[in-house]
């Protein structure tokens, strides 16, 4: 009986943390990090392609790493005035399978765009354009 309880306890603990990949060892993220990243990508571009999803998620990760922005995914996403989908309700869309995959990929492998790209909008911001995908500008 005690072996069963120990096994259940380990299963509970491991289900609350998701560990990084061999490429990025030691990188841990919580289920909340995954949930928030999935929902910000869904709210911003759930029906768009892989490249857009990866770029949107990468901007979030770049902001977490940038001293000008908050230090967690959740704080970056809910920073006042930053992501319209957090106040228009789109953040609460159910992420599709590709959005879930993109979110996990990013959390396990890190940003996939230049780390200085911290702006994303339907207009140019910051100090120049890194890329344009659809109607979205990704800027330094």
Protein backbone atom coordinates (compact mmCIF):
# COMPACT_ATOMS: atom_id res chain seq x y z
CA UNK A 1 0.00 0.00 0.00
CA UNK A 2 2.76 2.49 0.86
CA UNK A 3 4.46 1.78 -2.51
CA UNK A 4 1.21 2.65 -4.25
CA UNK A 5 0.91 5.92 -2.31
CA UNK A 6 4.51 6.83 -3.07
CA UNK A 7 3.91 6.11 -6.75
CA UNK A 8 0.79 8.30 -6.75
CA UNK A 9 2.69 11.11 -5.02
CA UNK A 10 5.47 10.99 -7.63
CA UNK A 11 2.91 10.96 -10.45
CA UNK A 12 1.22 14.03 -8.96
CA UNK A 13 4.51 15.89 -8.55
CA UNK A 14 5.72 15.05 -12.06
CA UNK A 15 2.40 16.07 -13.63
CA UNK A 16 2.81 19.58 -12.23
CA UNK A 17 6.24 20.15 -13.78
CA UNK A 18 7.22 19.50 -17.34
CA UNK A 19 10.93 19.13 -17.96
CA UNK A 20 13.03 20.52 -20.80
CA UNK A 21 14.54 18.64 -23.69
CA UNK A 22 18.08 17.38 -24.28
CA UNK A 23 18.70 20.47 -26.41
CA UNK A 24 17.83 22.74 -23.51
CA UNK A 25 18.57 20.68 -20.39
CA UNK A 26 17.52 21.96 -17.02
CA UNK A 27 14.76 24.15 -18.40
CA UNK A 28 11.64 23.51 -16.39
CA UNK A 29 8.25 25.04 -16.93
CA UNK A 30 4.99 24.69 -15.11
CA UNK A 31 1.60 23.64 -16.36
CA UNK A 32 0.58 27.28 -15.84
CA UNK A 33 3.37 28.46 -18.18
CA UNK A 34 2.10 26.03 -20.80
CA UNK A 35 -1.52 27.06 -20.26
CA UNK A 36 -0.77 30.78 -20.55
CA UNK A 37 1.46 30.38 -23.62
CA UNK A 38 -1.12 28.14 -25.34
CA UNK A 39 -3.86 30.67 -24.68
CA UNK A 40 -1.92 33.76 -25.73
CA UNK A 41 -1.00 32.04 -28.99
CA UNK A 42 -4.61 30.88 -29.44
CA UNK A 43 -5.93 34.36 -28.67
CA UNK A 44 -3.52 36.04 -31.07
CA UNK A 45 -3.35 33.55 -33.94
CA UNK A 46 -5.04 30.17 -33.29
CA UNK A 47 -6.17 29.84 -36.91
CA UNK A 48 -2.82 30.89 -38.40
CA UNK A 49 0.07 28.70 -39.48
CA UNK A 50 2.99 27.26 -37.55
CA UNK A 51 5.39 30.12 -38.33
CA UNK A 52 3.01 32.73 -36.94
CA UNK A 53 2.37 30.69 -33.79
CA UNK A 54 6.09 30.14 -33.22
CA UNK A 55 6.84 33.84 -33.78
CA UNK A 56 4.06 35.05 -31.45
CA UNK A 57 5.19 32.65 -28.72
CA UNK A 58 8.83 33.59 -29.27
CA UNK A 59 8.03 37.26 -28.70
CA UNK A 60 6.53 36.32 -25.32
CA UNK A 61 9.65 34.33 -24.39
CA UNK A 62 11.90 37.17 -25.61
CA UNK A 63 10.02 39.60 -23.40
CA UNK A 64 10.47 37.36 -20.36
CA UNK A 65 14.22 37.42 -21.03
CA UNK A 66 14.32 41.21 -21.63
CA UNK A 67 14.87 43.50 -18.62
CA UNK A 68 12.28 45.99 -19.94
CA UNK A 69 9.47 43.47 -19.39
CA UNK A 70 8.18 41.32 -16.50
CA UNK A 71 9.99 38.11 -15.57
CA UNK A 72 7.30 35.47 -16.13
CA UNK A 73 5.16 34.37 -19.06
CA UNK A 74 1.97 35.19 -17.16
CA UNK A 75 3.17 38.67 -16.16
CA UNK A 76 4.27 39.43 -19.74
CA UNK A 77 0.95 38.28 -21.20
CA UNK A 78 -1.16 40.21 -18.70
CA UNK A 79 0.98 43.35 -18.60
CA UNK A 80 -1.52 46.20 -19.04
CA UNK A 81 -1.94 47.39 -22.62
CA UNK A 82 0.13 44.65 -24.26
CA UNK A 83 -2.10 41.88 -25.63
CA UNK A 84 -5.60 42.81 -26.81
CA UNK A 85 -6.80 39.22 -26.57
CA UNK A 86 -6.48 39.41 -22.76
CA UNK A 87 -9.20 42.04 -22.61
CA UNK A 88 -11.36 41.19 -25.64
CA UNK A 89 -11.96 37.58 -24.56
CA UNK A 90 -9.99 35.83 -27.31
CA UNK A 91 -7.38 34.70 -24.76
CA UNK A 92 -9.94 32.18 -23.54
CA UNK A 93 -10.30 30.43 -26.92
CA UNK A 94 -9.57 26.74 -26.77
CA UNK A 95 -6.11 26.21 -28.31
CA UNK A 96 -6.10 23.86 -31.29
CA UNK A 97 -3.71 20.90 -31.50
CA UNK A 98 -1.08 22.80 -33.49
CA UNK A 99 -1.14 25.67 -30.97
CA UNK A 100 -0.56 23.20 -28.13
CA UNK A 101 2.32 21.61 -30.06
CA UNK A 102 3.87 25.01 -30.84
CA UNK A 103 3.65 26.05 -27.18
CA UNK A 104 5.32 22.87 -25.96
CA UNK A 105 7.98 23.16 -28.64
CA UNK A 106 8.81 26.71 -27.57
CA UNK A 107 8.95 25.89 -23.87
CA UNK A 108 11.23 22.93 -24.55
CA UNK A 109 13.47 24.60 -27.15
CA UNK A 110 13.31 28.34 -26.46
CA UNK A 111 12.70 31.25 -28.76
CA UNK A 112 12.95 30.57 -32.47
CA UNK A 113 13.49 34.16 -33.61
CA UNK A 114 16.10 36.80 -32.86
CA UNK A 115 16.07 37.42 -29.10
CA UNK A 116 15.84 41.19 -29.56
CA UNK A 117 12.43 40.90 -31.26
CA UNK A 118 10.01 41.99 -28.52
CA UNK A 119 7.27 43.74 -30.51
CA UNK A 120 4.46 42.19 -32.50
CA UNK A 121 1.54 44.10 -33.99
CA UNK A 122 -0.31 44.91 -37.18
CA UNK A 123 1.93 47.98 -37.49
CA UNK A 124 5.64 48.76 -37.18
CA UNK A 125 6.97 49.36 -33.67
CA UNK A 126 10.35 49.66 -32.00
CA UNK A 127 13.58 49.97 -33.95
CA UNK A 128 12.90 48.06 -37.14
CA UNK A 129 11.16 45.11 -38.70
CA UNK A 130 12.56 41.62 -38.23
CA UNK A 131 9.83 39.80 -40.17
CA UNK A 132 6.30 40.15 -41.49
CA UNK A 133 3.96 37.15 -41.39
CA UNK A 134 0.51 37.77 -42.83
CA UNK A 135 -0.53 41.15 -41.46
CA UNK A 136 1.72 40.90 -38.37
CA UNK A 137 4.97 42.81 -37.97
CA UNK A 138 7.65 41.37 -35.67
CA UNK A 139 9.97 44.18 -34.62
CA UNK A 140 13.16 44.86 -32.67
